[in-house]
Each structure stands twice: as C-alpha cells, then as structure tokens.
Amino acid sequence: MDELKKINDQELENVAGGFQNQYGSWRVVAGLQSGWLAMRTAPTYDYSNEMRGNELYNGDQVQILGAPVVGSDNRTYIMVYSPKTGARGYVNASFLR
C-alpha cells in the first residue's frame, strides 16, 4: 500500500490551483479569527516590518503582484496591492482565498 504523504500549506495551495500564474488576479482576505492581517515590507514575520496603517480585514480584496515566497519563518508570503490602502506589501498567503 502506498504511504500517504503529508504536505505543507504551500504544496496544498499548489494542488488547489495555488498562486502560480495568478499575477494580477484578485483574492479576498479570509480566515482571520480576530484582529487583522498585517502588510509587511519583507516576506517574514517581524514586528519591525509591519506596515502600520495598512491593516487588512476579512473581506478586503487584494491583487496578486508576485509569486509566493517562503520566509525565514517558514510561512508563505505573497506580494499584493491593496486598493483599500493604496499600499503594496507582503502578506501571509494562507489568509487569501
């Protein structure tokens, strides 16, 4: 019998259609249990790289501007544009649908 392989979030996104070749497509922020999704100046979780005043909430739309990047924290980030704030920055891709 074939052994089942566990896959990480990025591999799951790829299987589900992922973000590959999706430049310019629109996604919606979803899955936040509380608070907001921070836009960041770099693809990694660090308090100092949060773009204050550019917080995103469930239901906010963003446009994909780049390919997914795995940060030093092993989370997948993607460069987006927010028409709500007019900013471009990295967000945790697991909160985009």
C-alpha atoms as a PDB file:
ATOM      1  CA  MET A   1       0.000   0.000   0.000  1.00  0.00           C
ATOM      2  CA  ASP A   2       1.250   3.478  -0.839  1.00  0.00           C
ATOM      3  CA  GLU A   3       2.195   5.576   2.142  1.00  0.00           C
ATOM      4  CA  LEU A   4       0.325   8.865   2.485  1.00  0.00           C
ATOM      5  CA  LYS A   5       2.494  11.953   2.356  1.00  0.00           C
ATOM      6  CA  LYS A   6       1.708  14.990   4.497  1.00  0.00           C
ATOM      7  CA  ILE A   7       2.007  18.246   2.605  1.00  0.00           C
ATOM      8  CA  ASN A   8       2.652  21.755   3.836  1.00  0.00           C
ATOM      9  CA  ASP A   9       0.450  24.806   3.215  1.00  0.00           C
ATOM     10  CA  GLN A  10       2.363  25.894   0.116  1.00  0.00           C
ATOM     11  CA  GLU A  11       2.083  22.459  -1.508  1.00  0.00           C
ATOM     12  CA  LEU A  12      -1.634  22.417  -0.650  1.00  0.00           C
ATOM     13  CA  GLU A  13      -2.104  25.806  -2.357  1.00  0.00           C
ATOM     14  CA  ASN A  14      -0.341  24.447  -5.441  1.00  0.00           C
ATOM     15  CA  VAL A  15      -2.619  21.392  -5.574  1.00  0.00           C
ATOM     16  CA  ALA A  16      -5.698  23.614  -5.148  1.00  0.00           C
ATOM     17  CA  GLY A  17      -4.696  25.893  -8.002  1.00  0.00           C
ATOM     18  CA  GLY A  18      -2.294  27.963  -5.975  1.00  0.00           C
ATOM     19  CA  PHE A  19      -0.970  31.363  -6.849  1.00  0.00           C
ATOM     20  CA  GLN A  20       1.226  30.286  -9.765  1.00  0.00           C
ATOM     21  CA  ASN A  21       0.446  32.236 -12.923  1.00  0.00           C
ATOM     22  CA  GLN A  22      -2.103  34.277 -10.995  1.00  0.00           C
ATOM     23  CA  TYR A  23      -0.383  37.673 -11.332  1.00  0.00           C
ATOM     24  CA  GLY A  24      -2.979  40.394 -11.448  1.00  0.00           C
ATOM     25  CA  SER A  25      -5.737  38.162 -10.080  1.00  0.00           C
ATOM     26  CA  TRP A  26      -7.806  39.278  -7.121  1.00  0.00           C
ATOM     27  CA  ARG A  27      -8.057  37.461  -3.797  1.00  0.00           C
ATOM     28  CA  VAL A  28     -10.050  38.075  -0.620  1.00  0.00           C
ATOM     29  CA  VAL A  29      -8.672  38.108   2.916  1.00  0.00           C
ATOM     30  CA  ALA A  30     -10.381  35.313   4.850  1.00  0.00           C
ATOM     31  CA  GLY A  31      -9.887  33.064   7.848  1.00  0.00           C
ATOM     32  CA  LEU A  32      -8.807  35.654  10.405  1.00  0.00           C
ATOM     33  CA  GLN A  33     -10.176  34.623  13.791  1.00  0.00           C
ATOM     34  CA  SER A  34      -9.518  38.060  15.288  1.00  0.00           C
ATOM     35  CA  GLY A  35      -7.501  41.163  14.570  1.00  0.00           C
ATOM     36  CA  TRP A  36      -6.076  41.940  11.148  1.00  0.00           C
ATOM     37  CA  LEU A  37      -3.677  40.702   8.504  1.00  0.00           C
ATOM     38  CA  ALA A  38      -0.548  42.832   8.506  1.00  0.00           C
ATOM     39  CA  MET A  39       1.045  44.006   5.285  1.00  0.00           C
ATOM     40  CA  ARG A  40       4.834  43.759   5.570  1.00  0.00           C
ATOM     41  CA  THR A  41       7.878  45.282   3.876  1.00  0.00           C
ATOM     42  CA  ALA A  42       9.608  41.879   3.744  1.00  0.00           C
ATOM     43  CA  PRO A  43       8.389  38.266   3.463  1.00  0.00           C
ATOM     44  CA  THR A  44       8.811  37.281   7.096  1.00  0.00           C
ATOM     45  CA  TYR A  45       7.051  37.772  10.417  1.00  0.00           C
ATOM     46  CA  ASP A  46       8.773  40.557  12.315  1.00  0.00           C
ATOM     47  CA  TYR A  47       7.185  43.341  14.329  1.00  0.00           C
ATOM     48  CA  SER A  48       9.525  45.888  12.717  1.00  0.00           C
ATOM     49  CA  ASN A  49       8.399  45.122   9.135  1.00  0.00           C
ATOM     50  CA  GLU A  50       4.661  45.713   9.712  1.00  0.00           C
ATOM     51  CA  MET A  51       3.290  48.488   7.515  1.00  0.00           C
ATOM     52  CA  ARG A  52       1.249  50.418  10.089  1.00  0.00           C
ATOM     53  CA  GLY A  53      -1.983  51.922   8.751  1.00  0.00           C
ATOM     54  CA  ASN A  54      -2.294  49.222   6.060  1.00  0.00           C
ATOM     55  CA  GLU A  55      -4.069  46.536   8.068  1.00  0.00           C
ATOM     56  CA  LEU A  56      -6.348  44.151   6.146  1.00  0.00           C
ATOM     57  CA  TYR A  57      -9.503  42.501   7.479  1.00  0.00           C
ATOM     58  CA  ASN A  58     -11.697  39.571   6.412  1.00  0.00           C
ATOM     59  CA  GLY A  59     -13.434  40.510   3.163  1.00  0.00           C
ATOM     60  CA  ASP A  60     -10.811  43.015   1.987  1.00  0.00           C
ATOM     61  CA  GLN A  61      -9.675  42.453  -1.606  1.00  0.00           C
ATOM     62  CA  VAL A  62      -6.050  42.413  -2.757  1.00  0.00           C
ATOM     63  CA  GLN A  63      -4.378  41.983  -6.128  1.00  0.00           C
ATOM     64  CA  ILE A  64      -1.566  39.436  -6.526  1.00  0.00           C
ATOM     65  CA  LEU A  65       1.700  41.097  -7.634  1.00  0.00           C
ATOM     66  CA  GLY A  66       4.239  38.308  -7.289  1.00  0.00           C
ATOM     67  CA  ALA A  67       4.993  34.662  -6.792  1.00  0.00           C
ATOM     68  CA  PRO A  68       4.773  33.039  -3.354  1.00  0.00           C
ATOM     69  CA  VAL A  69       7.914  33.275  -1.223  1.00  0.00           C
ATOM     70  CA  VAL A  70       8.758  31.154   1.805  1.00  0.00           C
ATOM     71  CA  GLY A  71      10.010  33.454   4.555  1.00  0.00           C
ATOM     72  CA  SER A  72      12.693  32.734   7.114  1.00  0.00           C
ATOM     73  CA  ASP A  73       9.838  31.770   9.463  1.00  0.00           C
ATOM     74  CA  ASN A  74       8.747  29.003   7.017  1.00  0.00           C
ATOM     75  CA  ARG A  75       5.446  30.755   6.271  1.00  0.00           C
ATOM     76  CA  THR A  76       4.419  31.504   2.694  1.00  0.00           C
ATOM     77  CA  TYR A  77       4.109  35.180   1.794  1.00  0.00           C
ATOM     78  CA  ILE A  78       2.976  36.871  -1.375  1.00  0.00           C
ATOM     79  CA  MET A  79       3.307  40.449  -2.647  1.00  0.00           C
ATOM     80  CA  VAL A  80      -0.082  42.139  -3.018  1.00  0.00           C
ATOM     81  CA  TYR A  81      -1.624  45.513  -3.762  1.00  0.00           C
ATOM     82  CA  SER A  82      -4.466  46.779  -1.553  1.00  0.00           C
ATOM     83  CA  PRO A  83      -6.842  49.227  -3.254  1.00  0.00           C
ATOM     84  CA  LYS A  84      -8.242  49.994   0.216  1.00  0.00           C
ATOM     85  CA  THR A  85      -4.943  51.445   1.439  1.00  0.00           C
ATOM     86  CA  GLY A  86      -3.124  52.040  -1.855  1.00  0.00           C
ATOM     87  CA  ALA A  87      -0.156  50.079  -0.499  1.00  0.00           C
ATOM     88  CA  ARG A  88       1.940  47.218  -1.819  1.00  0.00           C
ATOM     89  CA  GLY A  89       3.424  44.724   0.592  1.00  0.00           C
ATOM     90  CA  TYR A  90       3.803  41.101   1.616  1.00  0.00           C
ATOM     91  CA  VAL A  91       1.035  39.193   3.389  1.00  0.00           C
ATOM     92  CA  ASN A  92       0.742  35.690   4.779  1.00  0.00           C
ATOM     93  CA  ALA A  93      -0.686  33.775   1.802  1.00  0.00           C
ATOM     94  CA  SER A  94      -2.620  31.332   3.987  1.00  0.00           C
ATOM     95  CA  PHE A  95      -5.199  34.068   4.647  1.00  0.00           C
ATOM     96  CA  LEU A  96      -6.015  34.690   0.983  1.00  0.00           C
ATOM     97  CA  ARG A  97      -8.836  32.911  -0.861  1.00  0.00           C
END
